[in-house]
Amino acid sequence: FFILLCVSFDFFGCSHVANICSIYPFKILSDGSVSAGTRIIEALAGKSAVNYLLENYNSLKRISASIKCAPGDVEGRVTKLRDRVDNLENEVKSIKKQQAQQAVNSWPSVDGVHRGVNFLIYSINSTDTEDVGALRTQCADIKNKSPAFLHVFVCPTNGFTFILADPAH
């Protein structure tokens, strides 16, 4: 590993390198400003640079083989795969939302009045409680459709209980 400090923007004028050939080949990893007029360049030189470039090339070949494309096509292929993953994730979210809505529609409920409070008690399945975020959304939707009720969602098999009430009622 080789760190090269340059006092000026002129790479070849650095006091640490007498001749560019003495560090060839080299691979600049990063560069930045240390202070006004002073830059720091982090680089690999000589055999370390060659090994670094060969490792990256071999990694690119392995990746291109695993996604079944030429090394030059990896970026485009990865972009297409990322887009496909995003689309599939959106589909999964949509399906989960549909399933949650279907589950809500199938919940048996009991309604009544106790001490002047209207209530609805829903019995839900344990599988309906696996995605709590979707379940909360569905329960909130039900509460919004009939805000004058105290809504109690209970899962007898796992003890899950969720209570929603409009504070105005």
N, C-alpha and C. Protein backbone atom coordinates (compact mmCIF):
# COMPACT_ATOMS: atom_id res chain seq x y z
N PHE A 1 0.85 -1.17 0.00
CA PHE A 1 0.00 0.00 0.00
C PHE A 1 0.89 1.22 0.00
N PHE A 2 0.53 2.23 -0.75
CA PHE A 2 1.37 3.39 -0.93
C PHE A 2 0.53 4.65 -0.79
N ILE A 3 0.90 5.55 0.10
CA ILE A 3 0.20 6.82 0.23
C ILE A 3 1.13 7.90 -0.29
N LEU A 4 0.60 8.70 -1.19
CA LEU A 4 1.39 9.73 -1.85
C LEU A 4 0.85 11.08 -1.44
N LEU A 5 1.67 11.90 -0.81
CA LEU A 5 1.25 13.24 -0.41
C LEU A 5 1.84 14.25 -1.38
N CYS A 6 0.99 15.09 -1.92
CA CYS A 6 1.44 16.13 -2.84
C CYS A 6 1.13 17.48 -2.24
N VAL A 7 2.06 18.38 -2.32
CA VAL A 7 1.88 19.71 -1.77
C VAL A 7 1.22 20.62 -2.80
N SER A 8 1.31 20.27 -4.06
CA SER A 8 0.69 21.10 -5.09
C SER A 8 -0.21 20.22 -5.94
N PHE A 9 -0.92 20.85 -6.89
CA PHE A 9 -1.77 20.10 -7.81
C PHE A 9 -0.94 19.37 -8.86
N ASP A 10 0.31 19.70 -8.97
CA ASP A 10 1.18 19.08 -9.96
C ASP A 10 1.67 17.74 -9.41
N PHE A 11 1.03 16.65 -9.87
CA PHE A 11 1.36 15.31 -9.39
C PHE A 11 2.83 14.99 -9.58
N PHE A 12 3.39 15.39 -10.69
CA PHE A 12 4.76 15.03 -11.02
C PHE A 12 5.78 15.85 -10.25
N GLY A 13 5.33 16.90 -9.58
CA GLY A 13 6.26 17.73 -8.85
C GLY A 13 6.38 17.35 -7.40
N CYS A 14 5.79 16.24 -6.99
CA CYS A 14 5.83 15.84 -5.59
C CYS A 14 7.24 15.47 -5.18
N SER A 15 7.54 15.82 -3.95
CA SER A 15 8.88 15.54 -3.45
C SER A 15 9.08 14.06 -3.12
N HIS A 16 8.01 13.26 -3.03
CA HIS A 16 8.13 11.86 -2.65
C HIS A 16 8.45 10.94 -3.84
N VAL A 17 8.31 11.44 -5.06
CA VAL A 17 8.54 10.62 -6.24
C VAL A 17 9.54 11.32 -7.15
N ALA A 18 10.66 10.67 -7.37
CA ALA A 18 11.67 11.27 -8.23
C ALA A 18 11.28 11.13 -9.71
N ASN A 19 10.67 9.99 -10.06
CA ASN A 19 10.32 9.72 -11.45
C ASN A 19 9.03 8.90 -11.45
N ILE A 20 8.10 9.25 -12.31
CA ILE A 20 6.82 8.54 -12.38
C ILE A 20 7.02 7.05 -12.66
N CYS A 21 8.07 6.71 -13.35
CA CYS A 21 8.34 5.30 -13.67
C CYS A 21 8.62 4.47 -12.42
N SER A 22 9.08 5.12 -11.36
CA SER A 22 9.40 4.36 -10.15
C SER A 22 8.15 3.86 -9.42
N ILE A 23 6.99 4.43 -9.73
CA ILE A 23 5.77 3.96 -9.08
C ILE A 23 4.78 3.36 -10.07
N TYR A 24 5.14 3.26 -11.33
CA TYR A 24 4.24 2.74 -12.35
C TYR A 24 4.14 1.23 -12.22
N PRO A 25 2.99 0.61 -12.42
CA PRO A 25 1.68 1.23 -12.58
C PRO A 25 1.14 1.68 -11.24
N PHE A 26 0.18 2.60 -11.27
CA PHE A 26 -0.44 3.04 -10.03
C PHE A 26 -1.94 3.20 -10.25
N LYS A 27 -2.67 3.07 -9.15
CA LYS A 27 -4.12 3.20 -9.19
C LYS A 27 -4.51 4.16 -8.07
N ILE A 28 -5.08 5.30 -8.45
CA ILE A 28 -5.54 6.27 -7.45
C ILE A 28 -6.85 5.76 -6.86
N LEU A 29 -6.88 5.62 -5.54
CA LEU A 29 -8.07 5.16 -4.83
C LEU A 29 -8.94 6.33 -4.40
N SER A 30 -8.32 7.41 -3.95
CA SER A 30 -9.07 8.59 -3.55
C SER A 30 -8.16 9.79 -3.52
N ASP A 31 -8.78 10.95 -3.57
CA ASP A 31 -8.01 12.18 -3.40
C ASP A 31 -8.91 13.18 -2.72
N GLY A 32 -8.32 14.08 -1.99
CA GLY A 32 -9.10 15.08 -1.28
C GLY A 32 -8.23 16.23 -0.85
N SER A 33 -8.87 17.20 -0.24
CA SER A 33 -8.18 18.38 0.21
C SER A 33 -7.87 18.24 1.70
N VAL A 34 -6.62 18.46 2.08
CA VAL A 34 -6.21 18.41 3.47
C VAL A 34 -6.37 19.80 4.08
N SER A 35 -5.92 20.80 3.35
CA SER A 35 -6.08 22.20 3.74
C SER A 35 -5.94 23.03 2.47
N ALA A 36 -6.02 24.32 2.59
CA ALA A 36 -5.93 25.19 1.42
C ALA A 36 -4.62 24.94 0.67
N GLY A 37 -4.72 24.57 -0.58
CA GLY A 37 -3.55 24.35 -1.41
C GLY A 37 -2.86 23.02 -1.19
N THR A 38 -3.40 22.17 -0.34
CA THR A 38 -2.78 20.88 -0.05
C THR A 38 -3.77 19.76 -0.36
N ARG A 39 -3.33 18.82 -1.17
CA ARG A 39 -4.16 17.67 -1.55
C ARG A 39 -3.52 16.41 -1.00
N ILE A 40 -4.37 15.43 -0.72
CA ILE A 40 -3.86 14.11 -0.36
C ILE A 40 -4.41 13.13 -1.40
N ILE A 41 -3.51 12.30 -1.89
CA ILE A 41 -3.91 11.29 -2.87
C ILE A 41 -3.55 9.94 -2.27
N GLU A 42 -4.56 9.06 -2.21
CA GLU A 42 -4.34 7.70 -1.72
C GLU A 42 -4.29 6.81 -2.95
N ALA A 43 -3.20 6.05 -3.08
CA ALA A 43 -3.03 5.26 -4.29
C ALA A 43 -2.29 3.96 -3.99
N LEU A 44 -2.47 3.02 -4.89
CA LEU A 44 -1.69 1.79 -4.87
C LEU A 44 -0.68 1.90 -6.00
N ALA A 45 0.50 1.35 -5.78
CA ALA A 45 1.53 1.45 -6.81
C ALA A 45 2.22 0.10 -6.99
N GLY A 46 2.79 -0.06 -8.20
CA GLY A 46 3.56 -1.26 -8.50
C GLY A 46 2.72 -2.52 -8.45
N LYS A 47 3.26 -3.55 -7.80
CA LYS A 47 2.60 -4.85 -7.74
C LYS A 47 1.26 -4.77 -7.01
N SER A 48 1.14 -3.92 -6.00
CA SER A 48 -0.13 -3.75 -5.27
C SER A 48 -1.21 -3.24 -6.21
N ALA A 49 -0.86 -2.31 -7.08
CA ALA A 49 -1.83 -1.77 -8.04
C ALA A 49 -2.27 -2.85 -9.03
N VAL A 50 -1.31 -3.63 -9.51
CA VAL A 50 -1.62 -4.71 -10.45
C VAL A 50 -2.55 -5.72 -9.78
N ASN A 51 -2.24 -6.12 -8.54
CA ASN A 51 -3.08 -7.08 -7.82
C ASN A 51 -4.48 -6.54 -7.60
N TYR A 52 -4.58 -5.26 -7.25
CA TYR A 52 -5.89 -4.63 -7.04
C TYR A 52 -6.72 -4.66 -8.32
N LEU A 53 -6.12 -4.30 -9.43
CA LEU A 53 -6.83 -4.28 -10.71
C LEU A 53 -7.22 -5.70 -11.15
N LEU A 54 -6.34 -6.67 -10.93
CA LEU A 54 -6.66 -8.06 -11.27
C LEU A 54 -7.80 -8.60 -10.41
N GLU A 55 -7.80 -8.26 -9.11
CA GLU A 55 -8.89 -8.70 -8.22
C GLU A 55 -10.22 -8.12 -8.68
N ASN A 56 -10.21 -6.84 -9.05
CA ASN A 56 -11.45 -6.21 -9.53
C ASN A 56 -11.91 -6.83 -10.84
N TYR A 57 -10.98 -7.11 -11.73
CA TYR A 57 -11.33 -7.72 -13.01
C TYR A 57 -11.90 -9.12 -12.79
N ASN A 58 -11.25 -9.91 -11.93
CA ASN A 58 -11.74 -11.26 -11.65
C ASN A 58 -13.12 -11.22 -10.97
N SER A 59 -13.32 -10.26 -10.11
CA SER A 59 -14.63 -10.09 -9.47
C SER A 59 -15.69 -9.75 -10.52
N LEU A 60 -15.36 -8.87 -11.44
CA LEU A 60 -16.28 -8.52 -12.52
C LEU A 60 -16.62 -9.74 -13.37
N LYS A 61 -15.62 -10.58 -13.67
CA LYS A 61 -15.87 -11.80 -14.45
C LYS A 61 -16.80 -12.75 -13.70
N ARG A 62 -16.60 -12.90 -12.38
CA ARG A 62 -17.47 -13.78 -11.59
C ARG A 62 -18.90 -13.24 -11.57
N ILE A 63 -19.04 -11.95 -11.39
CA ILE A 63 -20.37 -11.34 -11.35
C ILE A 63 -21.05 -11.49 -12.71
N SER A 64 -20.32 -11.22 -13.78
CA SER A 64 -20.93 -11.33 -15.12
C SER A 64 -21.34 -12.77 -15.41
N ALA A 65 -20.56 -13.74 -14.95
CA ALA A 65 -20.94 -15.14 -15.14
C ALA A 65 -22.19 -15.49 -14.33
N SER A 66 -22.27 -14.96 -13.12
CA SER A 66 -23.42 -15.30 -12.28
C SER A 66 -24.72 -14.67 -12.77
N ILE A 67 -24.62 -13.52 -13.45
CA ILE A 67 -25.84 -12.90 -13.98
C ILE A 67 -25.96 -13.12 -15.49
N LYS A 68 -25.12 -13.99 -16.00
CA LYS A 68 -25.19 -14.47 -17.39
C LYS A 68 -25.15 -13.34 -18.42
N CYS A 69 -24.05 -12.58 -18.37
CA CYS A 69 -23.84 -11.55 -19.38
C CYS A 69 -22.35 -11.30 -19.53
N ALA A 70 -22.00 -10.56 -20.55
CA ALA A 70 -20.59 -10.20 -20.78
C ALA A 70 -20.16 -9.17 -19.75
N PRO A 71 -18.87 -9.14 -19.39
CA PRO A 71 -18.39 -8.16 -18.41
C PRO A 71 -18.78 -6.71 -18.75
N GLY A 72 -18.79 -6.36 -20.01
CA GLY A 72 -19.15 -5.01 -20.41
C GLY A 72 -20.62 -4.70 -20.26
N ASP A 73 -21.45 -5.71 -20.08
CA ASP A 73 -22.90 -5.52 -19.96
C ASP A 73 -23.40 -5.60 -18.52
N VAL A 74 -22.49 -5.74 -17.56
CA VAL A 74 -22.88 -5.93 -16.16
C VAL A 74 -23.72 -4.76 -15.64
N GLU A 75 -23.29 -3.54 -15.91
CA GLU A 75 -24.01 -2.38 -15.37
C GLU A 75 -25.47 -2.36 -15.86
N GLY A 76 -25.67 -2.54 -17.15
CA GLY A 76 -27.03 -2.55 -17.69
C GLY A 76 -27.85 -3.71 -17.15
N ARG A 77 -27.23 -4.87 -17.03
CA ARG A 77 -27.93 -6.06 -16.51
C ARG A 77 -28.33 -5.87 -15.06
N VAL A 78 -27.43 -5.31 -14.26
CA VAL A 78 -27.73 -5.06 -12.85
C VAL A 78 -28.86 -4.04 -12.72
N THR A 79 -28.86 -3.02 -13.55
CA THR A 79 -29.93 -2.03 -13.53
C THR A 79 -31.27 -2.69 -13.84
N LYS A 80 -31.31 -3.56 -14.86
CA LYS A 80 -32.55 -4.27 -15.20
C LYS A 80 -32.99 -5.18 -14.05
N LEU A 81 -32.04 -5.87 -13.42
CA LEU A 81 -32.36 -6.75 -12.30
C LEU A 81 -32.90 -5.96 -11.11
N ARG A 82 -32.29 -4.79 -10.85
CA ARG A 82 -32.75 -3.93 -9.75
C ARG A 82 -34.18 -3.45 -10.01
N ASP A 83 -34.46 -3.06 -11.27
CA ASP A 83 -35.81 -2.64 -11.64
C ASP A 83 -36.81 -3.78 -11.45
N ARG A 84 -36.39 -4.98 -11.82
CA ARG A 84 -37.27 -6.14 -11.68
C ARG A 84 -37.55 -6.44 -10.20
N VAL A 85 -36.52 -6.34 -9.36
CA VAL A 85 -36.69 -6.55 -7.93
C VAL A 85 -37.66 -5.50 -7.37
N ASP A 86 -37.49 -4.24 -7.77
CA ASP A 86 -38.39 -3.18 -7.30
C ASP A 86 -39.83 -3.48 -7.70
N ASN A 87 -40.05 -3.90 -8.95
CA ASN A 87 -41.39 -4.24 -9.41
C ASN A 87 -41.98 -5.41 -8.62
N LEU A 88 -41.16 -6.43 -8.38
CA LEU A 88 -41.63 -7.59 -7.61
C LEU A 88 -41.96 -7.21 -6.17
N GLU A 89 -41.15 -6.34 -5.57
CA GLU A 89 -41.43 -5.88 -4.20
C GLU A 89 -42.75 -5.12 -4.16
N ASN A 90 -43.01 -4.30 -5.18
CA ASN A 90 -44.28 -3.58 -5.24
C ASN A 90 -45.45 -4.54 -5.40
N GLU A 91 -45.27 -5.58 -6.22
CA GLU A 91 -46.31 -6.59 -6.39
C GLU A 91 -46.60 -7.30 -5.08
N VAL A 92 -45.54 -7.64 -4.34
CA VAL A 92 -45.72 -8.33 -3.05
C VAL A 92 -46.49 -7.43 -2.09
N LYS A 93 -46.14 -6.14 -2.04
CA LYS A 93 -46.87 -5.21 -1.17
C LYS A 93 -48.35 -5.16 -1.56
N SER A 94 -48.61 -5.11 -2.84
CA SER A 94 -49.99 -5.06 -3.32
C SER A 94 -50.75 -6.32 -2.94
N ILE A 95 -50.12 -7.48 -3.12
CA ILE A 95 -50.75 -8.75 -2.78
C ILE A 95 -51.01 -8.83 -1.28
N LYS A 96 -50.05 -8.39 -0.46
CA LYS A 96 -50.24 -8.41 1.00
C LYS A 96 -51.41 -7.51 1.39
N LYS A 97 -51.51 -6.36 0.74
CA LYS A 97 -52.61 -5.45 1.04
C LYS A 97 -53.95 -6.09 0.66
N GLN A 98 -54.00 -6.74 -0.51
CA GLN A 98 -55.23 -7.42 -0.93
C GLN A 98 -55.58 -8.54 0.04
N GLN A 99 -54.58 -9.32 0.46
CA GLN A 99 -54.83 -10.42 1.39
C GLN A 99 -55.32 -9.89 2.73
N ALA A 100 -54.74 -8.79 3.18
CA ALA A 100 -55.16 -8.21 4.44
C ALA A 100 -56.61 -7.74 4.34
N GLN A 101 -56.97 -7.13 3.21
CA GLN A 101 -58.34 -6.66 3.02
C GLN A 101 -59.31 -7.84 2.99
N GLN A 102 -58.92 -8.92 2.31
CA GLN A 102 -59.77 -10.11 2.27
C GLN A 102 -59.92 -10.70 3.66
N ALA A 103 -58.84 -10.69 4.43
CA ALA A 103 -58.90 -11.23 5.79
C ALA A 103 -59.85 -10.40 6.65
N VAL A 104 -59.74 -9.07 6.51
CA VAL A 104 -60.61 -8.19 7.28
C VAL A 104 -62.07 -8.45 6.94
N ASN A 105 -62.35 -8.61 5.66
CA ASN A 105 -63.73 -8.84 5.23
C ASN A 105 -64.27 -10.17 5.75
N SER A 106 -63.39 -11.13 6.06
CA SER A 106 -63.84 -12.44 6.52
C SER A 106 -63.91 -12.54 8.04
N TRP A 107 -63.48 -11.47 8.77
CA TRP A 107 -63.49 -11.54 10.22
C TRP A 107 -64.93 -11.53 10.75
N PRO A 108 -65.28 -12.51 11.56
CA PRO A 108 -66.60 -12.45 12.21
C PRO A 108 -66.57 -11.35 13.27
N SER A 109 -67.68 -10.69 13.46
CA SER A 109 -67.71 -9.62 14.45
C SER A 109 -68.95 -9.72 15.31
N VAL A 110 -68.84 -9.13 16.49
CA VAL A 110 -69.95 -9.05 17.43
C VAL A 110 -70.10 -7.57 17.76
N ASP A 111 -71.33 -7.08 17.72
CA ASP A 111 -71.52 -5.69 18.08
C ASP A 111 -72.46 -5.59 19.27
N GLY A 112 -72.39 -4.46 19.94
CA GLY A 112 -73.24 -4.26 21.10
C GLY A 112 -73.02 -2.90 21.71
N VAL A 113 -73.66 -2.71 22.84
CA VAL A 113 -73.52 -1.46 23.58
C VAL A 113 -73.26 -1.84 25.03
N HIS A 114 -72.26 -1.22 25.62
CA HIS A 114 -71.95 -1.45 27.03
C HIS A 114 -71.72 -0.10 27.68
N ARG A 115 -72.53 0.20 28.70
CA ARG A 115 -72.44 1.48 29.41
C ARG A 115 -72.46 2.66 28.44
N GLY A 116 -73.29 2.56 27.45
CA GLY A 116 -73.48 3.64 26.49
C GLY A 116 -72.42 3.71 25.40
N VAL A 117 -71.50 2.75 25.36
CA VAL A 117 -70.44 2.74 24.34
C VAL A 117 -70.77 1.66 23.31
N ASN A 118 -70.87 2.11 22.05
CA ASN A 118 -71.06 1.15 20.96
C ASN A 118 -69.74 0.45 20.72
N PHE A 119 -69.77 -0.85 20.56
CA PHE A 119 -68.51 -1.56 20.31
C PHE A 119 -68.70 -2.63 19.24
N LEU A 120 -67.60 -2.94 18.60
CA LEU A 120 -67.52 -4.06 17.65
C LEU A 120 -66.30 -4.88 18.04
N ILE A 121 -66.46 -6.16 18.18
CA ILE A 121 -65.35 -7.05 18.48
C ILE A 121 -65.15 -7.96 17.27
N TYR A 122 -63.94 -7.98 16.78
CA TYR A 122 -63.60 -8.79 15.62
C TYR A 122 -62.70 -9.93 16.06
N SER A 123 -62.99 -11.12 15.58
CA SER A 123 -62.14 -12.27 15.83
C SER A 123 -61.29 -12.49 14.59
N ILE A 124 -59.97 -12.40 14.75
CA ILE A 124 -59.08 -12.53 13.59
C ILE A 124 -58.22 -13.77 13.72
N ASN A 125 -57.73 -14.26 12.60
CA ASN A 125 -56.88 -15.45 12.57
C ASN A 125 -55.45 -15.08 12.91
N SER A 126 -54.69 -16.04 13.42
CA SER A 126 -53.29 -15.77 13.76
C SER A 126 -52.48 -15.40 12.52
N THR A 127 -52.83 -15.95 11.35
CA THR A 127 -52.09 -15.62 10.14
C THR A 127 -52.33 -14.16 9.73
N ASP A 128 -53.48 -13.58 10.16
CA ASP A 128 -53.77 -12.19 9.86
C ASP A 128 -52.88 -11.25 10.67
N THR A 129 -52.27 -11.75 11.74
CA THR A 129 -51.45 -10.90 12.61
C THR A 129 -49.96 -10.96 12.25
N GLU A 130 -49.59 -11.71 11.21
CA GLU A 130 -48.18 -11.84 10.85
C GLU A 130 -47.59 -10.55 10.32
N ASP A 131 -48.37 -9.79 9.55
CA ASP A 131 -47.90 -8.49 9.05
C ASP A 131 -48.64 -7.41 9.82
N VAL A 132 -48.07 -7.02 10.97
CA VAL A 132 -48.75 -6.11 11.87
C VAL A 132 -48.99 -4.76 11.22
N GLY A 133 -48.05 -4.29 10.39
CA GLY A 133 -48.23 -3.00 9.72
C GLY A 133 -49.45 -2.98 8.84
N ALA A 134 -49.62 -4.02 8.03
CA ALA A 134 -50.80 -4.11 7.15
C ALA A 134 -52.06 -4.26 7.98
N LEU A 135 -51.98 -5.03 9.06
CA LEU A 135 -53.14 -5.24 9.93
C LEU A 135 -53.57 -3.92 10.57
N ARG A 136 -52.62 -3.13 11.05
CA ARG A 136 -52.96 -1.84 11.65
C ARG A 136 -53.64 -0.93 10.64
N THR A 137 -53.15 -0.94 9.41
CA THR A 137 -53.76 -0.11 8.37
C THR A 137 -55.20 -0.53 8.13
N GLN A 138 -55.43 -1.83 8.03
CA GLN A 138 -56.78 -2.33 7.79
C GLN A 138 -57.70 -2.00 8.97
N CYS A 139 -57.20 -2.16 10.20
CA CYS A 139 -58.01 -1.85 11.37
C CYS A 139 -58.35 -0.37 11.41
N ALA A 140 -57.37 0.48 11.07
CA ALA A 140 -57.62 1.93 11.04
C ALA A 140 -58.66 2.28 9.98
N ASP A 141 -58.62 1.60 8.84
CA ASP A 141 -59.62 1.83 7.78
C ASP A 141 -61.02 1.48 8.29
N ILE A 142 -61.13 0.37 9.02
CA ILE A 142 -62.43 -0.03 9.58
C ILE A 142 -62.91 1.02 10.57
N LYS A 143 -62.01 1.48 11.45
CA LYS A 143 -62.38 2.49 12.46
C LYS A 143 -62.86 3.76 11.78
N ASN A 144 -62.19 4.16 10.70
CA ASN A 144 -62.57 5.39 10.00
C ASN A 144 -63.95 5.27 9.34
N LYS A 145 -64.34 4.06 8.97
CA LYS A 145 -65.65 3.87 8.33
C LYS A 145 -66.79 3.94 9.36
N SER A 146 -66.49 3.60 10.60
CA SER A 146 -67.52 3.68 11.64
C SER A 146 -66.88 4.20 12.93
N PRO A 147 -66.60 5.51 12.95
CA PRO A 147 -65.85 6.09 14.07
C PRO A 147 -66.61 6.12 15.40
N ALA A 148 -67.92 5.96 15.37
CA ALA A 148 -68.69 6.04 16.61
C ALA A 148 -68.57 4.77 17.45
N PHE A 149 -67.83 3.79 16.97
CA PHE A 149 -67.70 2.53 17.67
C PHE A 149 -66.31 2.38 18.28
N LEU A 150 -66.27 1.63 19.36
CA LEU A 150 -65.01 1.15 19.92
C LEU A 150 -64.74 -0.16 19.18
N HIS A 151 -63.58 -0.26 18.52
CA HIS A 151 -63.25 -1.45 17.74
C HIS A 151 -62.21 -2.27 18.50
N VAL A 152 -62.50 -3.53 18.72
CA VAL A 152 -61.59 -4.43 19.42
C VAL A 152 -61.30 -5.59 18.47
N PHE A 153 -60.03 -5.78 18.16
CA PHE A 153 -59.58 -6.87 17.28
C PHE A 153 -58.83 -7.85 18.14
N VAL A 154 -59.30 -9.10 18.15
CA VAL A 154 -58.73 -10.12 19.04
C VAL A 154 -58.40 -11.35 18.22
N CYS A 155 -57.23 -11.93 18.51
CA CYS A 155 -56.84 -13.22 17.92
C CYS A 155 -56.78 -14.23 19.07
N PRO A 156 -57.76 -15.12 19.14
CA PRO A 156 -57.80 -16.07 20.25
C PRO A 156 -56.59 -17.01 20.32
N THR A 157 -55.99 -17.34 19.17
CA THR A 157 -54.92 -18.34 19.18
C THR A 157 -53.58 -17.81 19.66
N ASN A 158 -53.31 -16.52 19.46
CA ASN A 158 -52.01 -16.01 19.90
C ASN A 158 -52.12 -14.84 20.87
N GLY A 159 -53.34 -14.47 21.26
CA GLY A 159 -53.54 -13.43 22.25
C GLY A 159 -53.40 -12.02 21.75
N PHE A 160 -53.20 -11.85 20.44
CA PHE A 160 -53.06 -10.52 19.86
C PHE A 160 -54.35 -9.73 20.09
N THR A 161 -54.23 -8.52 20.63
CA THR A 161 -55.39 -7.66 20.83
C THR A 161 -55.03 -6.26 20.36
N PHE A 162 -55.92 -5.66 19.62
CA PHE A 162 -55.70 -4.33 19.07
C PHE A 162 -56.99 -3.56 19.26
N ILE A 163 -56.94 -2.41 19.96
CA ILE A 163 -58.14 -1.65 20.26
C ILE A 163 -58.02 -0.28 19.61
N LEU A 164 -59.07 0.11 18.88
CA LEU A 164 -59.10 1.42 18.25
C LEU A 164 -60.38 2.13 18.67
N ALA A 165 -60.25 3.36 19.04
CA ALA A 165 -61.44 4.14 19.40
C ALA A 165 -61.23 5.58 18.95
N ASP A 166 -62.31 6.22 18.55
CA ASP A 166 -62.26 7.64 18.22
C ASP A 166 -62.39 8.39 19.55
N PRO A 167 -61.40 9.20 19.92
CA PRO A 167 -61.45 9.85 21.23
C PRO A 167 -62.65 10.77 21.40
N ALA A 168 -63.28 11.19 20.29
CA ALA A 168 -64.44 12.07 20.40
C ALA A 168 -65.68 11.32 20.84
N HIS A 169 -65.66 10.01 20.81
CA HIS A 169 -66.88 9.23 21.14
C HIS A 169 -66.69 8.48 22.41
